[in-house]
């Protein structure tokens, strides 16, 4: 059983490495976390939809050039669904943009990671902006220590 638990801790490490690469604006490090397949896909919270590694790299580079990559991503609520070769993370996140006084953007994100050749790789990300009313309610619950889903 400890080997099985360790397997999914490694999936979380991949997600944390993704957050770190975003914060650093390191596109090469970020792309190294993706599965090297044409079926990889990324739906950004702006609505952009990219298929394949080359398209994802170009899209992320374009966001970086426009200053639209977050300087930090804070996971506020995380739900994990896993099986032997797949881990799915459903996460409510606060994205702090590079603009110094901007309020964090609240985002729902789903990450699909697959276990490939002994390592966890990102196969799909779908991020959506959280509606303003939901974001305010979510933030109030988090501030009051109730957690996201109470």
C-alpha atoms as a PDB file:
ATOM      1  CA  UNK A   1       0.000   0.000   0.000  1.00  0.00           C
ATOM      2  CA  UNK A   2       2.763   2.580   0.679  1.00  0.00           C
ATOM      3  CA  UNK A   3       3.991   2.205  -2.918  1.00  0.00           C
ATOM      4  CA  UNK A   4       0.478   2.985  -4.177  1.00  0.00           C
ATOM      5  CA  UNK A   5       0.249   6.083  -1.942  1.00  0.00           C
ATOM      6  CA  UNK A   6       3.665   7.262  -3.123  1.00  0.00           C
ATOM      7  CA  UNK A   7       2.553   6.869  -6.734  1.00  0.00           C
ATOM      8  CA  UNK A   8      -0.114   9.544  -6.317  1.00  0.00           C
ATOM      9  CA  UNK A   9       2.093  11.833  -4.221  1.00  0.00           C
ATOM     10  CA  UNK A  10       4.287  12.015  -7.320  1.00  0.00           C
ATOM     11  CA  UNK A  11       1.259  13.193  -9.354  1.00  0.00           C
ATOM     12  CA  UNK A  12       0.791  16.038  -6.853  1.00  0.00           C
ATOM     13  CA  UNK A  13       4.481  16.884  -7.230  1.00  0.00           C
ATOM     14  CA  UNK A  14       3.933  17.303 -10.981  1.00  0.00           C
ATOM     15  CA  UNK A  15       1.052  19.688 -10.335  1.00  0.00           C
ATOM     16  CA  UNK A  16       3.169  21.665  -7.844  1.00  0.00           C
ATOM     17  CA  UNK A  17       5.987  21.830 -10.408  1.00  0.00           C
ATOM     18  CA  UNK A  18       3.450  23.219 -12.922  1.00  0.00           C
ATOM     19  CA  UNK A  19       2.458  25.962 -10.458  1.00  0.00           C
ATOM     20  CA  UNK A  20       6.135  26.764  -9.821  1.00  0.00           C
ATOM     21  CA  UNK A  21       7.013  26.951 -13.533  1.00  0.00           C
ATOM     22  CA  UNK A  22       4.029  29.286 -14.087  1.00  0.00           C
ATOM     23  CA  UNK A  23       5.158  31.537 -11.240  1.00  0.00           C
ATOM     24  CA  UNK A  24       8.664  31.710 -12.673  1.00  0.00           C
ATOM     25  CA  UNK A  25       7.412  32.225 -16.217  1.00  0.00           C
ATOM     26  CA  UNK A  26       9.627  29.292 -17.248  1.00  0.00           C
ATOM     27  CA  UNK A  27       7.937  27.946 -20.374  1.00  0.00           C
ATOM     28  CA  UNK A  28      10.566  25.259 -21.017  1.00  0.00           C
ATOM     29  CA  UNK A  29      10.144  23.848 -17.506  1.00  0.00           C
ATOM     30  CA  UNK A  30       6.365  24.074 -17.811  1.00  0.00           C
ATOM     31  CA  UNK A  31       6.321  22.234 -21.136  1.00  0.00           C
ATOM     32  CA  UNK A  32       8.622  19.501 -19.808  1.00  0.00           C
ATOM     33  CA  UNK A  33       5.720  18.461 -17.551  1.00  0.00           C
ATOM     34  CA  UNK A  34       3.388  17.653 -20.457  1.00  0.00           C
ATOM     35  CA  UNK A  35       2.916  14.286 -22.111  1.00  0.00           C
ATOM     36  CA  UNK A  36       4.682  14.330 -25.464  1.00  0.00           C
ATOM     37  CA  UNK A  37       1.659  13.510 -27.558  1.00  0.00           C
ATOM     38  CA  UNK A  38      -0.540  15.262 -30.068  1.00  0.00           C
ATOM     39  CA  UNK A  39      -3.631  14.505 -27.994  1.00  0.00           C
ATOM     40  CA  UNK A  40      -2.500  16.823 -25.169  1.00  0.00           C
ATOM     41  CA  UNK A  41      -4.858  19.769 -24.821  1.00  0.00           C
ATOM     42  CA  UNK A  42      -5.206  22.967 -22.818  1.00  0.00           C
ATOM     43  CA  UNK A  43      -8.282  25.137 -22.460  1.00  0.00           C
ATOM     44  CA  UNK A  44      -7.126  28.346 -20.813  1.00  0.00           C
ATOM     45  CA  UNK A  45      -9.390  30.390 -18.540  1.00  0.00           C
ATOM     46  CA  UNK A  46      -9.464  33.049 -21.265  1.00  0.00           C
ATOM     47  CA  UNK A  47     -11.266  30.548 -23.497  1.00  0.00           C
ATOM     48  CA  UNK A  48      -8.272  29.792 -25.732  1.00  0.00           C
ATOM     49  CA  UNK A  49      -8.133  26.143 -26.773  1.00  0.00           C
ATOM     50  CA  UNK A  50      -4.853  24.507 -27.807  1.00  0.00           C
ATOM     51  CA  UNK A  51      -4.287  20.943 -29.076  1.00  0.00           C
ATOM     52  CA  UNK A  52      -0.853  19.341 -29.218  1.00  0.00           C
ATOM     53  CA  UNK A  53       2.406  20.273 -27.548  1.00  0.00           C
ATOM     54  CA  UNK A  54       3.484  22.813 -30.170  1.00  0.00           C
ATOM     55  CA  UNK A  55       0.153  24.628 -30.011  1.00  0.00           C
ATOM     56  CA  UNK A  56       0.185  24.617 -26.193  1.00  0.00           C
ATOM     57  CA  UNK A  57       3.749  25.999 -26.132  1.00  0.00           C
ATOM     58  CA  UNK A  58       2.828  28.769 -28.589  1.00  0.00           C
ATOM     59  CA  UNK A  59      -0.303  29.651 -26.609  1.00  0.00           C
ATOM     60  CA  UNK A  60       1.509  29.789 -23.281  1.00  0.00           C
ATOM     61  CA  UNK A  61       4.309  31.865 -24.845  1.00  0.00           C
ATOM     62  CA  UNK A  62       1.702  34.288 -26.173  1.00  0.00           C
ATOM     63  CA  UNK A  63       0.143  34.607 -22.690  1.00  0.00           C
ATOM     64  CA  UNK A  64       3.600  35.212 -21.221  1.00  0.00           C
ATOM     65  CA  UNK A  65       4.365  37.903 -23.820  1.00  0.00           C
ATOM     66  CA  UNK A  66       1.130  39.685 -22.880  1.00  0.00           C
ATOM     67  CA  UNK A  67       1.865  39.404 -19.131  1.00  0.00           C
ATOM     68  CA  UNK A  68      -1.140  37.114 -18.656  1.00  0.00           C
ATOM     69  CA  UNK A  69       0.633  34.250 -16.874  1.00  0.00           C
ATOM     70  CA  UNK A  70       0.001  34.307 -13.129  1.00  0.00           C
ATOM     71  CA  UNK A  71       2.869  35.068 -10.771  1.00  0.00           C
ATOM     72  CA  UNK A  72       1.317  32.635  -8.329  1.00  0.00           C
ATOM     73  CA  UNK A  73      -1.451  30.082  -8.268  1.00  0.00           C
ATOM     74  CA  UNK A  74      -2.930  29.280  -4.885  1.00  0.00           C
ATOM     75  CA  UNK A  75      -4.993  26.098  -4.794  1.00  0.00           C
ATOM     76  CA  UNK A  76      -7.869  26.842  -2.424  1.00  0.00           C
ATOM     77  CA  UNK A  77      -9.829  23.624  -2.727  1.00  0.00           C
ATOM     78  CA  UNK A  78      -8.521  20.399  -4.250  1.00  0.00           C
ATOM     79  CA  UNK A  79     -10.445  17.249  -5.132  1.00  0.00           C
ATOM     80  CA  UNK A  80      -8.485  14.259  -6.417  1.00  0.00           C
ATOM     81  CA  UNK A  81      -9.817  11.324  -8.399  1.00  0.00           C
ATOM     82  CA  UNK A  82      -7.253   8.682  -9.217  1.00  0.00           C
ATOM     83  CA  UNK A  83      -6.830   5.257 -10.689  1.00  0.00           C
ATOM     84  CA  UNK A  84      -3.742   3.235 -11.419  1.00  0.00           C
ATOM     85  CA  UNK A  85      -2.527   5.259 -14.402  1.00  0.00           C
ATOM     86  CA  UNK A  86      -4.553   8.475 -14.229  1.00  0.00           C
ATOM     87  CA  UNK A  87      -5.016  11.252 -11.691  1.00  0.00           C
ATOM     88  CA  UNK A  88      -7.615  13.993 -12.089  1.00  0.00           C
ATOM     89  CA  UNK A  89      -7.395  17.132  -9.957  1.00  0.00           C
ATOM     90  CA  UNK A  90     -10.400  19.450  -9.710  1.00  0.00           C
ATOM     91  CA  UNK A  91      -9.072  22.646  -8.151  1.00  0.00           C
ATOM     92  CA  UNK A  92     -10.485  26.028  -7.183  1.00  0.00           C
ATOM     93  CA  UNK A  93      -7.550  28.416  -7.605  1.00  0.00           C
ATOM     94  CA  UNK A  94      -6.647  32.035  -6.996  1.00  0.00           C
ATOM     95  CA  UNK A  95      -4.415  33.360  -9.807  1.00  0.00           C
ATOM     96  CA  UNK A  96      -2.360  36.434  -8.986  1.00  0.00           C
ATOM     97  CA  UNK A  97      -1.420  38.235 -12.175  1.00  0.00           C
ATOM     98  CA  UNK A  98       1.714  40.283 -12.726  1.00  0.00           C
ATOM     99  CA  UNK A  99      -0.188  43.530 -12.247  1.00  0.00           C
ATOM    100  CA  UNK A 100       0.898  44.643  -8.750  1.00  0.00           C
ATOM    101  CA  UNK A 101      -2.439  45.794  -7.338  1.00  0.00           C
ATOM    102  CA  UNK A 102      -4.773  43.488  -9.222  1.00  0.00           C
ATOM    103  CA  UNK A 103      -7.087  41.244  -7.239  1.00  0.00           C
ATOM    104  CA  UNK A 104      -6.526  37.535  -7.747  1.00  0.00           C
ATOM    105  CA  UNK A 105      -8.609  35.910 -10.476  1.00  0.00           C
ATOM    106  CA  UNK A 106     -10.647  32.996  -9.199  1.00  0.00           C
ATOM    107  CA  UNK A 107     -10.481  30.002 -11.520  1.00  0.00           C
ATOM    108  CA  UNK A 108     -11.807  26.450 -11.601  1.00  0.00           C
ATOM    109  CA  UNK A 109      -9.236  24.118 -13.152  1.00  0.00           C
ATOM    110  CA  UNK A 110      -9.228  20.441 -13.980  1.00  0.00           C
ATOM    111  CA  UNK A 111      -5.898  18.731 -14.519  1.00  0.00           C
ATOM    112  CA  UNK A 112      -5.623  15.258 -16.049  1.00  0.00           C
ATOM    113  CA  UNK A 113      -2.293  13.567 -15.424  1.00  0.00           C
ATOM    114  CA  UNK A 114      -1.208  10.220 -16.802  1.00  0.00           C
ATOM    115  CA  UNK A 115       1.519   7.929 -15.564  1.00  0.00           C
ATOM    116  CA  UNK A 116       3.935   7.391 -18.417  1.00  0.00           C
ATOM    117  CA  UNK A 117       7.291   5.592 -18.300  1.00  0.00           C
ATOM    118  CA  UNK A 118       7.603   5.995 -14.532  1.00  0.00           C
ATOM    119  CA  UNK A 119       6.635   9.649 -14.322  1.00  0.00           C
ATOM    120  CA  UNK A 120       3.459  11.723 -14.161  1.00  0.00           C
ATOM    121  CA  UNK A 121       2.737  13.972 -17.132  1.00  0.00           C
ATOM    122  CA  UNK A 122      -0.009  16.479 -17.813  1.00  0.00           C
ATOM    123  CA  UNK A 123      -2.343  15.346 -20.610  1.00  0.00           C
ATOM    124  CA  UNK A 124      -5.097  17.939 -20.314  1.00  0.00           C
ATOM    125  CA  UNK A 125      -5.958  21.163 -18.493  1.00  0.00           C
ATOM    126  CA  UNK A 126      -9.346  22.846 -18.578  1.00  0.00           C
ATOM    127  CA  UNK A 127      -9.545  26.166 -16.732  1.00  0.00           C
ATOM    128  CA  UNK A 128     -12.614  28.374 -16.446  1.00  0.00           C
ATOM    129  CA  UNK A 129     -13.115  31.706 -14.725  1.00  0.00           C
ATOM    130  CA  UNK A 130     -15.191  31.438 -11.595  1.00  0.00           C
ATOM    131  CA  UNK A 131     -18.349  33.573 -11.807  1.00  0.00           C
ATOM    132  CA  UNK A 132     -18.040  36.722  -9.658  1.00  0.00           C
ATOM    133  CA  UNK A 133     -20.856  35.809  -7.269  1.00  0.00           C
ATOM    134  CA  UNK A 134     -19.394  32.339  -6.720  1.00  0.00           C
ATOM    135  CA  UNK A 135     -15.895  33.763  -6.261  1.00  0.00           C
ATOM    136  CA  UNK A 136     -17.142  36.184  -3.594  1.00  0.00           C
ATOM    137  CA  UNK A 137     -19.007  33.420  -1.775  1.00  0.00           C
ATOM    138  CA  UNK A 138     -16.022  31.096  -2.050  1.00  0.00           C
ATOM    139  CA  UNK A 139     -13.620  33.760  -0.722  1.00  0.00           C
ATOM    140  CA  UNK A 140     -15.924  34.540   2.220  1.00  0.00           C
ATOM    141  CA  UNK A 141     -16.109  30.867   3.203  1.00  0.00           C
ATOM    142  CA  UNK A 142     -12.347  30.459   2.943  1.00  0.00           C
ATOM    143  CA  UNK A 143     -11.797  33.616   5.059  1.00  0.00           C
ATOM    144  CA  UNK A 144     -14.140  32.254   7.723  1.00  0.00           C
ATOM    145  CA  UNK A 145     -12.386  28.885   7.791  1.00  0.00           C
ATOM    146  CA  UNK A 146     -15.407  26.969   6.524  1.00  0.00           C
ATOM    147  CA  UNK A 147     -13.634  25.495   3.560  1.00  0.00           C
ATOM    148  CA  UNK A 148     -14.858  25.605   0.027  1.00  0.00           C
ATOM    149  CA  UNK A 149     -17.713  23.145   0.109  1.00  0.00           C
ATOM    150  CA  UNK A 150     -19.372  23.616   3.514  1.00  0.00           C
END
